[in-house]
């Protein structure tokens, strides 16, 4: 990005505030959003701000699927779009950037993805309020990185 800014400054002759005002997109990092309506909280790794809207970008390490994005990443990217919309932003798409392979994939929120996300939210809320203990997921790595591990009776 610094190289792009340098090249743009050099070719445009703009410096200082004039240069800053000309640059697009503006970038915000680690934007935390909350929605009581959706019962969601999220931290968007990178938000690209354009004149006509925003694009959330989720940065991921590790392998990239041969097509599309991993299912969990699809839900996360779609949830960010819902969070942005509920907080008054205009966002039509999200990106998942697989850093290790320099591949950026686009996620578009459609009614099917929105329904799936809302169904998952309801299922998670029901699980959290239930006295029943869920089955172990069978993947120790997921247990180690789980956000609920401190509250888990199995830990």
N, C-alpha and C. Protein backbone atom coordinates (compact mmCIF):
# COMPACT_ATOMS: atom_id res chain seq x y z
N UNK A 1 0.84 -1.21 0.00
CA UNK A 1 0.00 0.00 0.00
C UNK A 1 0.87 1.25 0.00
N UNK A 2 1.97 1.23 0.77
CA UNK A 2 2.85 2.40 0.82
C UNK A 2 3.43 2.69 -0.56
N UNK A 3 3.76 1.64 -1.30
CA UNK A 3 4.29 1.82 -2.65
C UNK A 3 3.23 2.43 -3.57
N UNK A 4 1.98 2.01 -3.42
CA UNK A 4 0.89 2.58 -4.23
C UNK A 4 0.71 4.06 -3.90
N UNK A 5 0.77 4.40 -2.62
CA UNK A 5 0.62 5.81 -2.22
C UNK A 5 1.78 6.63 -2.77
N UNK A 6 3.00 6.10 -2.66
CA UNK A 6 4.17 6.80 -3.17
C UNK A 6 4.04 7.06 -4.67
N UNK A 7 3.67 6.00 -5.42
CA UNK A 7 3.52 6.14 -6.87
C UNK A 7 2.42 7.15 -7.23
N UNK A 8 1.31 7.11 -6.48
CA UNK A 8 0.21 8.04 -6.74
C UNK A 8 0.65 9.48 -6.44
N UNK A 9 1.37 9.68 -5.33
CA UNK A 9 1.86 11.02 -4.97
C UNK A 9 2.81 11.54 -6.05
N UNK A 10 3.66 10.67 -6.51
CA UNK A 10 4.63 11.05 -7.53
C UNK A 10 3.94 11.42 -8.85
N UNK A 11 2.96 10.62 -9.26
CA UNK A 11 2.31 10.88 -10.55
C UNK A 11 1.32 12.05 -10.47
N UNK A 12 0.69 12.25 -9.31
CA UNK A 12 -0.31 13.31 -9.19
C UNK A 12 0.28 14.64 -8.75
N UNK A 13 1.46 14.59 -8.13
CA UNK A 13 2.06 15.81 -7.62
C UNK A 13 1.42 16.29 -6.32
N UNK A 14 0.52 15.50 -5.75
CA UNK A 14 -0.16 15.88 -4.52
C UNK A 14 0.67 15.47 -3.30
N UNK A 15 0.60 16.31 -2.28
CA UNK A 15 1.29 16.02 -1.02
C UNK A 15 0.41 16.44 0.15
N UNK A 16 0.75 15.97 1.33
CA UNK A 16 0.08 16.38 2.56
C UNK A 16 -1.41 16.11 2.54
N UNK A 17 -2.18 17.09 3.00
CA UNK A 17 -3.63 16.95 3.13
C UNK A 17 -4.29 16.69 1.77
N UNK A 18 -3.80 17.36 0.72
CA UNK A 18 -4.37 17.14 -0.62
C UNK A 18 -4.21 15.68 -1.05
N UNK A 19 -3.05 15.10 -0.76
CA UNK A 19 -2.80 13.70 -1.08
C UNK A 19 -3.76 12.82 -0.27
N UNK A 20 -3.84 13.05 1.04
CA UNK A 20 -4.69 12.24 1.91
C UNK A 20 -6.14 12.28 1.46
N UNK A 21 -6.64 13.45 1.11
CA UNK A 21 -8.04 13.58 0.69
C UNK A 21 -8.31 12.89 -0.64
N UNK A 22 -7.28 12.68 -1.46
CA UNK A 22 -7.45 12.05 -2.77
C UNK A 22 -7.41 10.53 -2.72
N UNK A 23 -6.82 9.99 -1.69
CA UNK A 23 -6.63 8.54 -1.63
C UNK A 23 -7.94 7.79 -1.40
N UNK A 24 -8.15 6.72 -2.16
CA UNK A 24 -9.30 5.84 -2.01
C UNK A 24 -8.81 4.42 -2.19
N UNK A 25 -9.28 3.48 -1.46
CA UNK A 25 -10.19 3.63 -0.33
C UNK A 25 -9.44 4.06 0.93
N UNK A 26 -10.18 4.66 1.84
CA UNK A 26 -9.65 4.89 3.17
C UNK A 26 -9.69 3.53 3.88
N UNK A 27 -8.77 3.28 4.78
CA UNK A 27 -8.69 1.99 5.45
C UNK A 27 -8.86 2.19 6.95
N UNK A 28 -9.77 1.44 7.55
CA UNK A 28 -9.90 1.37 9.00
C UNK A 28 -9.55 -0.05 9.42
N UNK A 29 -8.85 -0.18 10.54
CA UNK A 29 -8.46 -1.50 11.03
C UNK A 29 -9.15 -1.81 12.34
N UNK A 30 -9.44 -3.10 12.53
CA UNK A 30 -10.00 -3.59 13.80
C UNK A 30 -11.24 -2.80 14.22
N UNK A 31 -12.21 -2.69 13.33
CA UNK A 31 -13.45 -1.98 13.63
C UNK A 31 -14.40 -2.90 14.39
N UNK A 32 -14.72 -2.53 15.63
CA UNK A 32 -15.62 -3.34 16.45
C UNK A 32 -17.04 -2.83 16.28
N UNK A 33 -17.95 -3.77 15.96
CA UNK A 33 -19.36 -3.45 15.78
C UNK A 33 -20.21 -4.34 16.67
N UNK A 34 -21.34 -3.81 17.07
CA UNK A 34 -22.28 -4.53 17.93
C UNK A 34 -23.69 -4.31 17.39
N UNK A 35 -24.51 -5.34 17.50
CA UNK A 35 -25.92 -5.23 17.14
C UNK A 35 -26.74 -5.99 18.16
N UNK A 36 -27.52 -5.24 18.94
CA UNK A 36 -28.42 -5.88 19.89
C UNK A 36 -29.51 -6.64 19.14
N UNK A 37 -29.98 -6.06 18.04
CA UNK A 37 -31.02 -6.70 17.23
C UNK A 37 -30.55 -8.07 16.73
N UNK A 38 -29.35 -8.13 16.18
CA UNK A 38 -28.82 -9.39 15.65
C UNK A 38 -28.22 -10.28 16.74
N UNK A 39 -27.98 -9.70 17.90
CA UNK A 39 -27.28 -10.39 18.99
C UNK A 39 -25.89 -10.84 18.55
N UNK A 40 -25.19 -9.90 17.91
CA UNK A 40 -23.86 -10.18 17.38
C UNK A 40 -22.89 -9.07 17.77
N UNK A 41 -21.65 -9.46 17.94
CA UNK A 41 -20.54 -8.53 18.09
C UNK A 41 -19.45 -9.04 17.16
N UNK A 42 -18.77 -8.15 16.48
CA UNK A 42 -17.70 -8.57 15.60
C UNK A 42 -16.62 -7.52 15.50
N UNK A 43 -15.42 -7.98 15.17
CA UNK A 43 -14.29 -7.09 14.94
C UNK A 43 -13.81 -7.34 13.51
N UNK A 44 -14.03 -6.36 12.67
CA UNK A 44 -13.65 -6.47 11.26
C UNK A 44 -12.17 -6.13 11.15
N UNK A 45 -11.39 -7.05 10.56
CA UNK A 45 -9.95 -6.85 10.44
C UNK A 45 -9.62 -5.56 9.71
N UNK A 46 -10.29 -5.36 8.58
CA UNK A 46 -9.98 -4.20 7.73
C UNK A 46 -11.26 -3.75 7.06
N UNK A 47 -11.51 -2.46 7.10
CA UNK A 47 -12.68 -1.90 6.43
C UNK A 47 -12.20 -0.91 5.39
N UNK A 48 -12.53 -1.19 4.13
CA UNK A 48 -12.18 -0.29 3.03
C UNK A 48 -13.36 0.65 2.84
N UNK A 49 -13.11 1.96 2.98
CA UNK A 49 -14.16 2.97 2.93
C UNK A 49 -14.08 3.72 1.61
N UNK A 50 -15.15 3.59 0.82
CA UNK A 50 -15.26 4.27 -0.47
C UNK A 50 -16.33 5.36 -0.35
N UNK A 51 -16.45 6.19 -1.37
CA UNK A 51 -17.46 7.25 -1.35
C UNK A 51 -18.88 6.69 -1.31
N UNK A 52 -19.10 5.53 -1.93
CA UNK A 52 -20.46 4.98 -2.03
C UNK A 52 -20.72 3.80 -1.09
N UNK A 53 -19.81 3.50 -0.19
CA UNK A 53 -20.04 2.39 0.74
C UNK A 53 -18.73 1.83 1.28
N UNK A 54 -18.86 0.73 1.99
CA UNK A 54 -17.70 0.10 2.62
C UNK A 54 -17.60 -1.36 2.21
N UNK A 55 -16.39 -1.90 2.32
CA UNK A 55 -16.14 -3.32 2.05
C UNK A 55 -15.34 -3.88 3.22
N UNK A 56 -15.93 -4.79 4.00
CA UNK A 56 -15.16 -5.43 5.06
C UNK A 56 -14.23 -6.49 4.48
N UNK A 57 -13.03 -6.59 5.03
CA UNK A 57 -12.06 -7.58 4.58
C UNK A 57 -11.60 -8.38 5.79
N UNK A 58 -11.78 -9.69 5.71
CA UNK A 58 -11.33 -10.59 6.76
C UNK A 58 -10.01 -11.20 6.31
N UNK A 59 -8.98 -11.05 7.13
CA UNK A 59 -7.65 -11.55 6.81
C UNK A 59 -7.46 -12.93 7.43
N UNK A 60 -7.07 -13.91 6.62
CA UNK A 60 -6.92 -15.28 7.09
C UNK A 60 -5.56 -15.83 6.69
N UNK A 61 -4.99 -16.62 7.57
CA UNK A 61 -3.79 -17.37 7.25
C UNK A 61 -4.21 -18.82 7.01
N UNK A 62 -3.31 -19.59 6.46
CA UNK A 62 -3.62 -20.98 6.18
C UNK A 62 -4.07 -21.17 4.75
N UNK A 63 -4.50 -22.38 4.48
CA UNK A 63 -4.85 -22.74 3.11
C UNK A 63 -6.16 -22.10 2.67
N UNK A 64 -6.28 -22.00 1.38
CA UNK A 64 -7.45 -21.42 0.73
C UNK A 64 -8.15 -22.55 -0.04
N UNK A 65 -9.48 -22.63 0.01
CA UNK A 65 -10.14 -23.68 -0.78
C UNK A 65 -9.95 -23.44 -2.27
N UNK A 66 -10.13 -24.48 -3.05
CA UNK A 66 -9.93 -24.33 -4.50
C UNK A 66 -10.97 -23.41 -5.13
N UNK A 67 -12.12 -23.29 -4.46
CA UNK A 67 -13.18 -22.43 -4.97
C UNK A 67 -13.91 -21.79 -3.80
N UNK A 68 -14.27 -20.54 -3.92
CA UNK A 68 -15.02 -19.87 -2.86
C UNK A 68 -14.20 -19.68 -1.59
N UNK A 69 -14.89 -19.73 -0.44
CA UNK A 69 -14.23 -19.58 0.86
C UNK A 69 -14.67 -20.73 1.75
N UNK A 70 -13.92 -20.97 2.82
CA UNK A 70 -14.29 -22.01 3.76
C UNK A 70 -15.64 -21.66 4.38
N UNK A 71 -16.46 -22.67 4.74
CA UNK A 71 -17.81 -22.41 5.27
C UNK A 71 -17.84 -21.46 6.46
N UNK A 72 -16.93 -21.61 7.41
CA UNK A 72 -16.90 -20.71 8.57
C UNK A 72 -16.57 -19.29 8.17
N UNK A 73 -15.71 -19.13 7.17
CA UNK A 73 -15.34 -17.80 6.69
C UNK A 73 -16.52 -17.15 5.96
N UNK A 74 -17.31 -17.97 5.28
CA UNK A 74 -18.51 -17.47 4.60
C UNK A 74 -19.49 -16.88 5.61
N UNK A 75 -19.71 -17.61 6.70
CA UNK A 75 -20.62 -17.14 7.75
C UNK A 75 -20.07 -15.86 8.38
N UNK A 76 -18.78 -15.84 8.67
CA UNK A 76 -18.17 -14.65 9.29
C UNK A 76 -18.28 -13.43 8.38
N UNK A 77 -17.95 -13.60 7.11
CA UNK A 77 -18.01 -12.48 6.16
C UNK A 77 -19.44 -11.99 5.99
N UNK A 78 -20.40 -12.91 5.93
CA UNK A 78 -21.80 -12.53 5.82
C UNK A 78 -22.29 -11.83 7.08
N UNK A 79 -21.86 -12.32 8.25
CA UNK A 79 -22.26 -11.69 9.52
C UNK A 79 -21.73 -10.26 9.59
N UNK A 80 -20.53 -10.03 9.08
CA UNK A 80 -20.00 -8.66 9.06
C UNK A 80 -20.88 -7.75 8.20
N UNK A 81 -21.35 -8.27 7.09
CA UNK A 81 -22.23 -7.46 6.24
C UNK A 81 -23.53 -7.13 6.97
N UNK A 82 -24.08 -8.09 7.70
CA UNK A 82 -25.29 -7.83 8.49
C UNK A 82 -25.02 -6.81 9.59
N UNK A 83 -23.88 -6.95 10.28
CA UNK A 83 -23.51 -6.00 11.33
C UNK A 83 -23.35 -4.59 10.77
N UNK A 84 -22.69 -4.48 9.64
CA UNK A 84 -22.49 -3.16 9.02
C UNK A 84 -23.83 -2.55 8.64
N UNK A 85 -24.68 -3.34 8.02
CA UNK A 85 -26.00 -2.85 7.61
C UNK A 85 -26.80 -2.38 8.83
N UNK A 86 -26.76 -3.16 9.91
CA UNK A 86 -27.52 -2.81 11.11
C UNK A 86 -26.95 -1.57 11.80
N UNK A 87 -25.69 -1.22 11.50
CA UNK A 87 -25.07 -0.03 12.07
C UNK A 87 -25.06 1.14 11.10
N UNK A 88 -25.89 1.07 10.03
CA UNK A 88 -26.07 2.20 9.15
C UNK A 88 -25.08 2.34 8.01
N UNK A 89 -24.25 1.33 7.77
CA UNK A 89 -23.30 1.36 6.66
C UNK A 89 -23.93 0.77 5.42
N UNK A 90 -23.44 1.18 4.27
CA UNK A 90 -23.83 0.58 3.00
C UNK A 90 -22.72 -0.37 2.57
N UNK A 91 -23.01 -1.67 2.58
CA UNK A 91 -22.00 -2.67 2.21
C UNK A 91 -22.68 -3.76 1.39
N UNK A 92 -22.21 -3.98 0.19
CA UNK A 92 -22.82 -4.97 -0.71
C UNK A 92 -22.04 -6.27 -0.76
N UNK A 93 -20.76 -6.19 -0.45
CA UNK A 93 -19.93 -7.39 -0.52
C UNK A 93 -18.86 -7.34 0.55
N UNK A 94 -18.29 -8.50 0.81
CA UNK A 94 -17.21 -8.65 1.77
C UNK A 94 -16.11 -9.45 1.08
N UNK A 95 -14.90 -9.30 1.57
CA UNK A 95 -13.79 -10.08 1.02
C UNK A 95 -13.14 -10.91 2.12
N UNK A 96 -12.73 -12.11 1.74
CA UNK A 96 -11.89 -12.93 2.60
C UNK A 96 -10.55 -13.01 1.89
N UNK A 97 -9.50 -12.50 2.54
CA UNK A 97 -8.18 -12.44 1.94
C UNK A 97 -7.32 -13.52 2.58
N UNK A 98 -6.99 -14.54 1.81
CA UNK A 98 -6.11 -15.62 2.27
C UNK A 98 -4.67 -15.17 2.04
N UNK A 99 -4.05 -14.72 3.11
CA UNK A 99 -2.75 -14.06 3.04
C UNK A 99 -1.63 -14.96 2.54
N UNK A 100 -1.63 -16.21 2.98
CA UNK A 100 -0.53 -17.11 2.61
C UNK A 100 -0.45 -17.35 1.11
N UNK A 101 -1.58 -17.23 0.43
CA UNK A 101 -1.59 -17.46 -1.01
C UNK A 101 -1.92 -16.20 -1.80
N UNK A 102 -2.05 -15.07 -1.11
CA UNK A 102 -2.40 -13.79 -1.75
C UNK A 102 -3.63 -13.91 -2.64
N UNK A 103 -4.66 -14.58 -2.11
CA UNK A 103 -5.91 -14.75 -2.84
C UNK A 103 -7.01 -14.05 -2.07
N UNK A 104 -7.79 -13.23 -2.78
CA UNK A 104 -8.92 -12.53 -2.16
C UNK A 104 -10.19 -13.01 -2.84
N UNK A 105 -11.13 -13.51 -2.02
CA UNK A 105 -12.39 -14.02 -2.53
C UNK A 105 -13.54 -13.13 -2.05
N UNK A 106 -14.53 -12.96 -2.90
CA UNK A 106 -15.67 -12.09 -2.61
C UNK A 106 -16.84 -12.90 -2.06
N UNK A 107 -17.50 -12.33 -1.06
CA UNK A 107 -18.72 -12.92 -0.49
C UNK A 107 -19.83 -11.89 -0.65
N UNK A 108 -20.94 -12.32 -1.23
CA UNK A 108 -22.10 -11.46 -1.41
C UNK A 108 -23.20 -11.97 -0.48
N UNK A 109 -23.82 -11.06 0.24
CA UNK A 109 -24.92 -11.44 1.13
C UNK A 109 -26.19 -11.59 0.32
N UNK A 110 -26.74 -12.80 0.31
CA UNK A 110 -28.01 -13.05 -0.36
C UNK A 110 -29.00 -13.56 0.68
N UNK A 111 -30.27 -13.68 0.34
CA UNK A 111 -31.26 -14.13 1.33
C UNK A 111 -30.95 -15.50 1.95
N UNK A 112 -30.34 -16.40 1.18
CA UNK A 112 -30.02 -17.73 1.69
C UNK A 112 -28.94 -17.65 2.77
N UNK A 113 -27.88 -16.88 2.50
CA UNK A 113 -26.80 -16.72 3.48
C UNK A 113 -27.32 -15.98 4.72
N UNK A 114 -28.11 -14.96 4.51
CA UNK A 114 -28.68 -14.21 5.64
C UNK A 114 -29.53 -15.13 6.52
N UNK A 115 -30.35 -15.96 5.90
CA UNK A 115 -31.17 -16.91 6.65
C UNK A 115 -30.33 -17.91 7.41
N UNK A 116 -29.26 -18.38 6.78
CA UNK A 116 -28.37 -19.36 7.44
C UNK A 116 -27.71 -18.73 8.67
N UNK A 117 -27.27 -17.49 8.54
CA UNK A 117 -26.61 -16.79 9.66
C UNK A 117 -27.60 -16.59 10.80
N UNK A 118 -28.80 -16.14 10.49
CA UNK A 118 -29.80 -15.91 11.53
C UNK A 118 -30.21 -17.23 12.20
N UNK A 119 -30.28 -18.30 11.44
CA UNK A 119 -30.59 -19.62 12.02
C UNK A 119 -29.47 -20.04 12.97
N UNK A 120 -28.22 -19.83 12.58
CA UNK A 120 -27.08 -20.17 13.44
C UNK A 120 -27.10 -19.36 14.74
N UNK A 121 -27.43 -18.08 14.63
CA UNK A 121 -27.52 -17.23 15.83
C UNK A 121 -28.56 -17.79 16.78
N UNK A 122 -29.73 -18.17 16.25
CA UNK A 122 -30.78 -18.74 17.08
C UNK A 122 -30.35 -20.06 17.71
N UNK A 123 -29.66 -20.90 16.93
CA UNK A 123 -29.19 -22.19 17.45
C UNK A 123 -28.15 -21.99 18.56
N UNK A 124 -27.25 -21.04 18.37
CA UNK A 124 -26.22 -20.77 19.39
C UNK A 124 -26.86 -20.21 20.65
N UNK A 125 -27.80 -19.29 20.51
CA UNK A 125 -28.49 -18.74 21.68
C UNK A 125 -29.25 -19.83 22.44
N UNK A 126 -29.90 -20.73 21.69
CA UNK A 126 -30.61 -21.84 22.34
C UNK A 126 -29.62 -22.76 23.07
N UNK A 127 -28.50 -23.01 22.46
CA UNK A 127 -27.47 -23.85 23.07
C UNK A 127 -26.92 -23.21 24.34
N UNK A 128 -26.66 -21.90 24.30
CA UNK A 128 -26.10 -21.20 25.45
C UNK A 128 -27.10 -21.11 26.61
N UNK A 129 -28.38 -21.07 26.30
CA UNK A 129 -29.38 -20.96 27.37
C UNK A 129 -29.89 -22.33 27.82
N UNK A 130 -29.47 -23.38 27.18
CA UNK A 130 -29.92 -24.72 27.52
C UNK A 130 -29.12 -25.29 28.68
N UNK A 131 -29.76 -26.06 29.54
CA UNK A 131 -29.01 -26.71 30.63
C UNK A 131 -28.22 -27.92 30.12
N UNK A 132 -28.51 -28.36 28.90
CA UNK A 132 -27.82 -29.53 28.35
C UNK A 132 -26.43 -29.16 27.85
N UNK A 133 -25.49 -30.03 28.11
CA UNK A 133 -24.11 -29.81 27.67
C UNK A 133 -23.98 -30.38 26.26
N UNK A 134 -23.46 -29.58 25.32
CA UNK A 134 -23.32 -30.09 23.94
C UNK A 134 -22.23 -31.16 23.85
N UNK A 135 -22.31 -31.95 22.81
CA UNK A 135 -21.29 -32.95 22.57
C UNK A 135 -19.96 -32.27 22.29
N UNK A 136 -18.88 -32.95 22.61
CA UNK A 136 -17.54 -32.46 22.30
C UNK A 136 -17.39 -32.46 20.78
N UNK A 137 -16.75 -31.43 20.25
CA UNK A 137 -16.66 -31.30 18.79
C UNK A 137 -15.72 -32.33 18.18
N UNK A 138 -14.84 -32.92 18.98
CA UNK A 138 -13.94 -33.93 18.45
C UNK A 138 -12.67 -33.37 17.83
N UNK A 139 -12.48 -32.07 17.90
CA UNK A 139 -11.28 -31.45 17.33
C UNK A 139 -10.62 -30.61 18.43
N UNK A 140 -9.52 -31.12 18.97
CA UNK A 140 -8.85 -30.42 20.07
C UNK A 140 -8.41 -29.02 19.70
N UNK A 141 -8.02 -28.81 18.47
CA UNK A 141 -7.61 -27.47 18.04
C UNK A 141 -8.76 -26.48 18.17
N UNK A 142 -9.97 -26.91 17.80
CA UNK A 142 -11.13 -26.02 17.94
C UNK A 142 -11.41 -25.74 19.41
N UNK A 143 -11.28 -26.75 20.25
CA UNK A 143 -11.51 -26.54 21.69
C UNK A 143 -10.49 -25.54 22.24
N UNK A 144 -9.24 -25.66 21.85
CA UNK A 144 -8.20 -24.76 22.37
C UNK A 144 -8.44 -23.31 21.96
N UNK A 145 -9.01 -23.09 20.79
CA UNK A 145 -9.21 -21.72 20.31
C UNK A 145 -10.65 -21.24 20.49
N UNK A 146 -11.47 -22.02 21.19
CA UNK A 146 -12.88 -21.66 21.37
C UNK A 146 -13.02 -20.47 22.30
N UNK A 147 -13.89 -19.55 21.95
CA UNK A 147 -14.14 -18.37 22.77
C UNK A 147 -14.86 -18.68 24.08
N UNK A 148 -15.41 -19.88 24.19
CA UNK A 148 -16.14 -20.26 25.41
C UNK A 148 -15.35 -21.24 26.27
N UNK A 149 -14.08 -21.49 25.93
CA UNK A 149 -13.31 -22.50 26.67
C UNK A 149 -13.20 -22.20 28.16
N UNK A 150 -13.18 -20.94 28.56
CA UNK A 150 -13.09 -20.60 29.98
C UNK A 150 -14.37 -20.93 30.74
N UNK A 151 -15.47 -21.04 30.03
CA UNK A 151 -16.77 -21.34 30.66
C UNK A 151 -17.18 -22.79 30.48
N UNK A 152 -16.40 -23.54 29.73
CA UNK A 152 -16.77 -24.90 29.37
C UNK A 152 -16.56 -25.85 30.55
N UNK A 153 -17.55 -26.68 30.79
CA UNK A 153 -17.45 -27.63 31.89
C UNK A 153 -16.55 -28.80 31.53
N UNK A 154 -16.22 -28.95 30.28
CA UNK A 154 -15.37 -30.07 29.84
C UNK A 154 -13.88 -29.73 29.93
N UNK A 155 -13.57 -28.44 30.08
CA UNK A 155 -12.16 -28.04 30.06
C UNK A 155 -11.43 -28.46 31.31
